[in-house]
Amino acid sequence: MLKVITLITKYILVALAALLFASCNHAINLNSIEGSGNVTTEKRTVEGNFKSIEVNNNIDVVIEQSDRTEILVEADDNLQKHITTKVENGTLIISFDKNSFINIGSKKV
């Protein structure tokens, strides 16, 4: 009888642990967005001059010297609208308005 109670207790603990981890994962990804896999490039205008760049979130930035000032954002098409590029107090700020990305092909500026 004691073996049966121990076995049932183990199954209940495993089930509770699985439920706990599953709910934690859902809470963490609540404000996440999943990439569509369709990578596009969007050309953005620069509103004002900047002397420095600030990057928030996990975004790769490639800087190339040129006589033109332009911003190209390469990301999954459904992520483009969530990547913001703005100039404030002489700083180009590149950020993402969600907490994290899931399954993305690229997010390069």
N, C-alpha and C. Protein backbone atom coordinates (compact mmCIF):
# COMPACT_ATOMS: atom_id res chain seq x y z
N MET A 1 0.82 -1.20 0.00
CA MET A 1 0.00 0.00 0.00
C MET A 1 0.86 1.26 0.00
N LEU A 2 1.96 1.23 0.74
CA LEU A 2 2.86 2.38 0.82
C LEU A 2 3.50 2.65 -0.54
N LYS A 3 3.81 1.59 -1.30
CA LYS A 3 4.40 1.76 -2.63
C LYS A 3 3.41 2.44 -3.58
N VAL A 4 2.15 2.09 -3.47
CA VAL A 4 1.13 2.69 -4.32
C VAL A 4 0.99 4.18 -4.01
N ILE A 5 0.96 4.54 -2.75
CA ILE A 5 0.85 5.95 -2.35
C ILE A 5 2.08 6.73 -2.81
N THR A 6 3.26 6.14 -2.68
CA THR A 6 4.49 6.80 -3.13
C THR A 6 4.47 7.00 -4.64
N LEU A 7 4.03 5.99 -5.38
CA LEU A 7 3.96 6.08 -6.83
C LEU A 7 2.96 7.15 -7.27
N ILE A 8 1.80 7.19 -6.66
CA ILE A 8 0.79 8.20 -6.99
C ILE A 8 1.31 9.60 -6.66
N THR A 9 2.00 9.74 -5.54
CA THR A 9 2.57 11.04 -5.15
C THR A 9 3.60 11.50 -6.18
N LYS A 10 4.43 10.58 -6.68
CA LYS A 10 5.42 10.93 -7.70
C LYS A 10 4.73 11.41 -8.98
N TYR A 11 3.69 10.71 -9.41
CA TYR A 11 2.97 11.12 -10.62
C TYR A 11 2.33 12.50 -10.45
N ILE A 12 1.77 12.74 -9.29
CA ILE A 12 1.16 14.05 -9.03
C ILE A 12 2.21 15.15 -9.04
N LEU A 13 3.36 14.90 -8.44
CA LEU A 13 4.43 15.91 -8.42
C LEU A 13 4.96 16.19 -9.82
N VAL A 14 5.12 15.14 -10.63
CA VAL A 14 5.59 15.33 -12.01
C VAL A 14 4.56 16.13 -12.80
N ALA A 15 3.29 15.81 -12.64
CA ALA A 15 2.24 16.54 -13.35
C ALA A 15 2.19 18.01 -12.93
N LEU A 16 2.33 18.27 -11.63
CA LEU A 16 2.34 19.66 -11.15
C LEU A 16 3.56 20.42 -11.66
N ALA A 17 4.72 19.76 -11.69
CA ALA A 17 5.93 20.41 -12.20
C ALA A 17 5.77 20.74 -13.68
N ALA A 18 5.21 19.82 -14.46
CA ALA A 18 4.99 20.07 -15.89
C ALA A 18 4.03 21.23 -16.09
N LEU A 19 2.98 21.27 -15.31
CA LEU A 19 2.01 22.36 -15.39
C LEU A 19 2.65 23.70 -15.02
N LEU A 20 3.47 23.69 -14.00
CA LEU A 20 4.15 24.90 -13.56
C LEU A 20 5.08 25.43 -14.65
N PHE A 21 5.90 24.56 -15.24
CA PHE A 21 6.82 25.00 -16.29
C PHE A 21 6.08 25.45 -17.54
N ALA A 22 5.00 24.80 -17.88
CA ALA A 22 4.23 25.20 -19.06
C ALA A 22 3.61 26.58 -18.86
N SER A 23 3.10 26.86 -17.67
CA SER A 23 2.50 28.16 -17.42
C SER A 23 3.55 29.26 -17.35
N CYS A 24 4.75 28.95 -16.86
CA CYS A 24 5.83 29.95 -16.82
C CYS A 24 6.24 30.34 -18.22
N ASN A 25 6.35 29.38 -19.12
CA ASN A 25 6.73 29.66 -20.49
C ASN A 25 5.69 30.55 -21.16
N HIS A 26 4.42 30.32 -20.90
CA HIS A 26 3.36 31.15 -21.48
C HIS A 26 3.45 32.58 -20.95
N ALA A 27 3.73 32.75 -19.68
CA ALA A 27 3.83 34.08 -19.09
C ALA A 27 5.02 34.84 -19.63
N ILE A 28 6.12 34.16 -19.86
CA ILE A 28 7.32 34.81 -20.38
C ILE A 28 7.08 35.30 -21.80
N ASN A 29 6.41 34.52 -22.63
CA ASN A 29 6.22 34.85 -24.03
C ASN A 29 4.93 35.61 -24.30
N LEU A 30 4.29 36.13 -23.27
CA LEU A 30 3.02 36.81 -23.42
C LEU A 30 3.13 38.02 -24.34
N ASN A 31 4.22 38.76 -24.28
CA ASN A 31 4.40 39.95 -25.10
C ASN A 31 5.41 39.71 -26.21
N SER A 32 5.56 38.46 -26.63
CA SER A 32 6.48 38.11 -27.70
C SER A 32 5.74 38.07 -29.02
N ILE A 33 6.50 38.13 -30.09
CA ILE A 33 5.91 38.04 -31.42
C ILE A 33 6.74 37.06 -32.23
N GLU A 34 6.06 36.24 -33.02
CA GLU A 34 6.74 35.23 -33.82
C GLU A 34 6.92 35.74 -35.24
N GLY A 35 8.13 35.60 -35.77
CA GLY A 35 8.41 36.02 -37.13
C GLY A 35 7.72 35.12 -38.14
N SER A 36 7.34 35.71 -39.28
CA SER A 36 6.62 34.97 -40.31
C SER A 36 7.55 34.12 -41.17
N GLY A 37 8.85 34.45 -41.17
CA GLY A 37 9.80 33.75 -42.02
C GLY A 37 10.00 34.43 -43.37
N ASN A 38 9.17 35.42 -43.69
CA ASN A 38 9.28 36.16 -44.94
C ASN A 38 10.07 37.44 -44.68
N VAL A 39 11.39 37.40 -44.93
CA VAL A 39 12.28 38.52 -44.64
C VAL A 39 12.14 39.58 -45.72
N THR A 40 11.92 40.84 -45.30
CA THR A 40 11.81 41.96 -46.22
C THR A 40 12.78 43.07 -45.78
N THR A 41 13.08 43.97 -46.70
CA THR A 41 13.92 45.13 -46.40
C THR A 41 13.09 46.39 -46.61
N GLU A 42 13.09 47.25 -45.60
CA GLU A 42 12.31 48.49 -45.65
C GLU A 42 13.25 49.67 -45.51
N LYS A 43 13.13 50.64 -46.43
CA LYS A 43 13.94 51.86 -46.37
C LYS A 43 13.20 52.90 -45.54
N ARG A 44 13.89 53.45 -44.56
CA ARG A 44 13.29 54.45 -43.66
C ARG A 44 13.98 55.79 -43.83
N THR A 45 13.21 56.86 -43.64
CA THR A 45 13.79 58.20 -43.70
C THR A 45 14.34 58.58 -42.33
N VAL A 46 15.38 59.39 -42.35
CA VAL A 46 16.00 59.86 -41.12
C VAL A 46 15.49 61.27 -40.85
N GLU A 47 14.82 61.45 -39.73
CA GLU A 47 14.27 62.75 -39.35
C GLU A 47 15.28 63.47 -38.45
N GLY A 48 16.20 64.21 -39.04
CA GLY A 48 17.18 64.96 -38.26
C GLY A 48 18.56 64.32 -38.31
N ASN A 49 19.55 65.09 -37.85
CA ASN A 49 20.93 64.61 -37.82
C ASN A 49 21.20 63.89 -36.51
N PHE A 50 22.11 62.91 -36.55
CA PHE A 50 22.47 62.20 -35.33
C PHE A 50 23.98 61.98 -35.30
N LYS A 51 24.53 61.91 -34.09
CA LYS A 51 25.96 61.70 -33.90
C LYS A 51 26.25 60.39 -33.18
N SER A 52 25.21 59.76 -32.65
CA SER A 52 25.39 58.48 -31.96
C SER A 52 24.19 57.58 -32.24
N ILE A 53 24.38 56.29 -31.94
CA ILE A 53 23.32 55.30 -32.16
C ILE A 53 23.09 54.53 -30.87
N GLU A 54 21.83 54.38 -30.51
CA GLU A 54 21.44 53.58 -29.34
C GLU A 54 20.55 52.44 -29.83
N VAL A 55 20.92 51.21 -29.49
CA VAL A 55 20.16 50.04 -29.92
C VAL A 55 19.58 49.35 -28.70
N ASN A 56 18.27 49.19 -28.67
CA ASN A 56 17.59 48.46 -27.61
C ASN A 56 17.17 47.10 -28.16
N ASN A 57 17.09 46.12 -27.30
CA ASN A 57 16.73 44.76 -27.67
C ASN A 57 17.87 44.10 -28.44
N ASN A 58 17.62 42.93 -28.94
CA ASN A 58 18.64 42.15 -29.64
C ASN A 58 18.53 42.39 -31.14
N ILE A 59 19.04 43.53 -31.59
CA ILE A 59 18.98 43.91 -33.00
C ILE A 59 20.41 44.10 -33.49
N ASP A 60 20.72 43.49 -34.65
CA ASP A 60 22.04 43.66 -35.26
C ASP A 60 22.05 44.95 -36.07
N VAL A 61 23.10 45.75 -35.92
CA VAL A 61 23.25 46.99 -36.66
C VAL A 61 24.49 46.91 -37.52
N VAL A 62 24.34 47.23 -38.80
CA VAL A 62 25.46 47.27 -39.74
C VAL A 62 25.62 48.72 -40.17
N ILE A 63 26.82 49.27 -39.99
CA ILE A 63 27.08 50.66 -40.36
C ILE A 63 28.03 50.67 -41.55
N GLU A 64 27.65 51.38 -42.60
CA GLU A 64 28.48 51.51 -43.79
C GLU A 64 28.70 52.98 -44.08
N GLN A 65 29.93 53.35 -44.39
CA GLN A 65 30.24 54.73 -44.72
C GLN A 65 29.74 55.03 -46.13
N SER A 66 29.04 56.17 -46.27
CA SER A 66 28.46 56.55 -47.55
C SER A 66 28.22 58.05 -47.55
N ASP A 67 27.98 58.60 -48.74
CA ASP A 67 27.64 60.02 -48.83
C ASP A 67 26.14 60.24 -48.59
N ARG A 68 25.37 59.17 -48.48
CA ARG A 68 23.93 59.25 -48.21
C ARG A 68 23.65 58.81 -46.78
N THR A 69 22.62 59.40 -46.20
CA THR A 69 22.16 58.96 -44.88
C THR A 69 20.83 58.25 -45.07
N GLU A 70 20.84 56.94 -44.87
CA GLU A 70 19.62 56.16 -45.01
C GLU A 70 19.62 55.00 -44.03
N ILE A 71 18.44 54.54 -43.73
CA ILE A 71 18.28 53.41 -42.82
C ILE A 71 17.54 52.32 -43.57
N LEU A 72 18.12 51.12 -43.61
CA LEU A 72 17.47 49.95 -44.18
C LEU A 72 17.20 48.97 -43.05
N VAL A 73 15.96 48.58 -42.88
CA VAL A 73 15.59 47.64 -41.84
C VAL A 73 15.26 46.31 -42.51
N GLU A 74 16.02 45.27 -42.15
CA GLU A 74 15.81 43.93 -42.70
C GLU A 74 15.25 43.05 -41.58
N ALA A 75 14.01 42.61 -41.76
CA ALA A 75 13.34 41.79 -40.73
C ALA A 75 12.16 41.06 -41.37
N ASP A 76 11.60 40.13 -40.64
CA ASP A 76 10.39 39.46 -41.10
C ASP A 76 9.32 40.52 -41.33
N ASP A 77 8.49 40.32 -42.36
CA ASP A 77 7.53 41.36 -42.73
C ASP A 77 6.57 41.74 -41.60
N ASN A 78 6.20 40.79 -40.76
CA ASN A 78 5.27 41.14 -39.67
C ASN A 78 5.98 41.80 -38.49
N LEU A 79 7.32 41.84 -38.50
CA LEU A 79 8.06 42.52 -37.44
C LEU A 79 8.41 43.96 -37.80
N GLN A 80 8.34 44.30 -39.08
CA GLN A 80 8.76 45.63 -39.54
C GLN A 80 8.05 46.76 -38.77
N LYS A 81 6.75 46.63 -38.58
CA LYS A 81 6.00 47.71 -37.92
C LYS A 81 6.33 47.84 -36.44
N HIS A 82 6.98 46.83 -35.86
CA HIS A 82 7.33 46.87 -34.43
C HIS A 82 8.74 47.41 -34.19
N ILE A 83 9.54 47.55 -35.24
CA ILE A 83 10.90 48.10 -35.11
C ILE A 83 10.82 49.60 -35.35
N THR A 84 11.21 50.37 -34.33
CA THR A 84 11.13 51.83 -34.45
C THR A 84 12.53 52.41 -34.64
N THR A 85 12.60 53.42 -35.49
CA THR A 85 13.84 54.17 -35.71
C THR A 85 13.48 55.64 -35.59
N LYS A 86 14.11 56.32 -34.63
CA LYS A 86 13.82 57.74 -34.43
C LYS A 86 15.08 58.44 -33.93
N VAL A 87 15.13 59.74 -34.16
CA VAL A 87 16.25 60.56 -33.71
C VAL A 87 15.76 61.45 -32.57
N GLU A 88 16.46 61.36 -31.43
CA GLU A 88 16.16 62.20 -30.27
C GLU A 88 17.47 62.75 -29.71
N ASN A 89 17.55 64.06 -29.59
CA ASN A 89 18.72 64.73 -29.01
C ASN A 89 20.03 64.28 -29.66
N GLY A 90 20.03 64.18 -30.98
CA GLY A 90 21.24 63.81 -31.71
C GLY A 90 21.60 62.34 -31.65
N THR A 91 20.69 61.49 -31.19
CA THR A 91 20.94 60.05 -31.10
C THR A 91 19.89 59.30 -31.92
N LEU A 92 20.34 58.43 -32.81
CA LEU A 92 19.45 57.54 -33.54
C LEU A 92 19.11 56.38 -32.61
N ILE A 93 17.83 56.22 -32.31
CA ILE A 93 17.38 55.16 -31.39
C ILE A 93 16.66 54.09 -32.21
N ILE A 94 17.16 52.86 -32.11
CA ILE A 94 16.57 51.72 -32.79
C ILE A 94 16.06 50.77 -31.72
N SER A 95 14.77 50.48 -31.75
CA SER A 95 14.21 49.62 -30.70
C SER A 95 13.06 48.79 -31.25
N PHE A 96 12.61 47.86 -30.42
CA PHE A 96 11.50 46.98 -30.75
C PHE A 96 10.45 47.15 -29.68
N ASP A 97 9.18 47.29 -30.06
CA ASP A 97 8.14 47.58 -29.08
C ASP A 97 7.56 46.35 -28.39
N LYS A 98 8.12 45.18 -28.63
CA LYS A 98 7.71 43.96 -27.93
C LYS A 98 8.88 43.49 -27.07
N ASN A 99 8.60 42.58 -26.13
CA ASN A 99 9.66 42.10 -25.23
C ASN A 99 10.65 41.18 -25.91
N SER A 100 10.19 40.34 -26.81
CA SER A 100 11.11 39.39 -27.43
C SER A 100 10.58 38.89 -28.75
N PHE A 101 11.47 38.23 -29.49
CA PHE A 101 11.15 37.65 -30.78
C PHE A 101 11.15 36.14 -30.64
N ILE A 102 10.35 35.47 -31.45
CA ILE A 102 10.36 34.01 -31.51
C ILE A 102 10.45 33.62 -32.98
N ASN A 103 11.34 32.70 -33.32
CA ASN A 103 11.42 32.15 -34.67
C ASN A 103 11.58 33.22 -35.74
N ILE A 104 12.60 34.02 -35.66
CA ILE A 104 12.78 35.07 -36.65
C ILE A 104 13.91 34.73 -37.59
N GLY A 105 13.78 35.19 -38.83
CA GLY A 105 14.81 34.94 -39.81
C GLY A 105 15.94 35.94 -39.70
N SER A 106 15.62 37.21 -39.55
CA SER A 106 16.64 38.25 -39.47
C SER A 106 16.01 39.51 -38.89
N LYS A 107 16.82 40.28 -38.18
CA LYS A 107 16.41 41.61 -37.73
C LYS A 107 17.66 42.46 -37.72
N LYS A 108 17.91 43.06 -38.86
CA LYS A 108 19.14 43.81 -39.06
C LYS A 108 18.79 45.21 -39.51
N VAL A 109 19.51 46.19 -38.97
CA VAL A 109 19.31 47.59 -39.36
C VAL A 109 20.63 48.11 -39.88
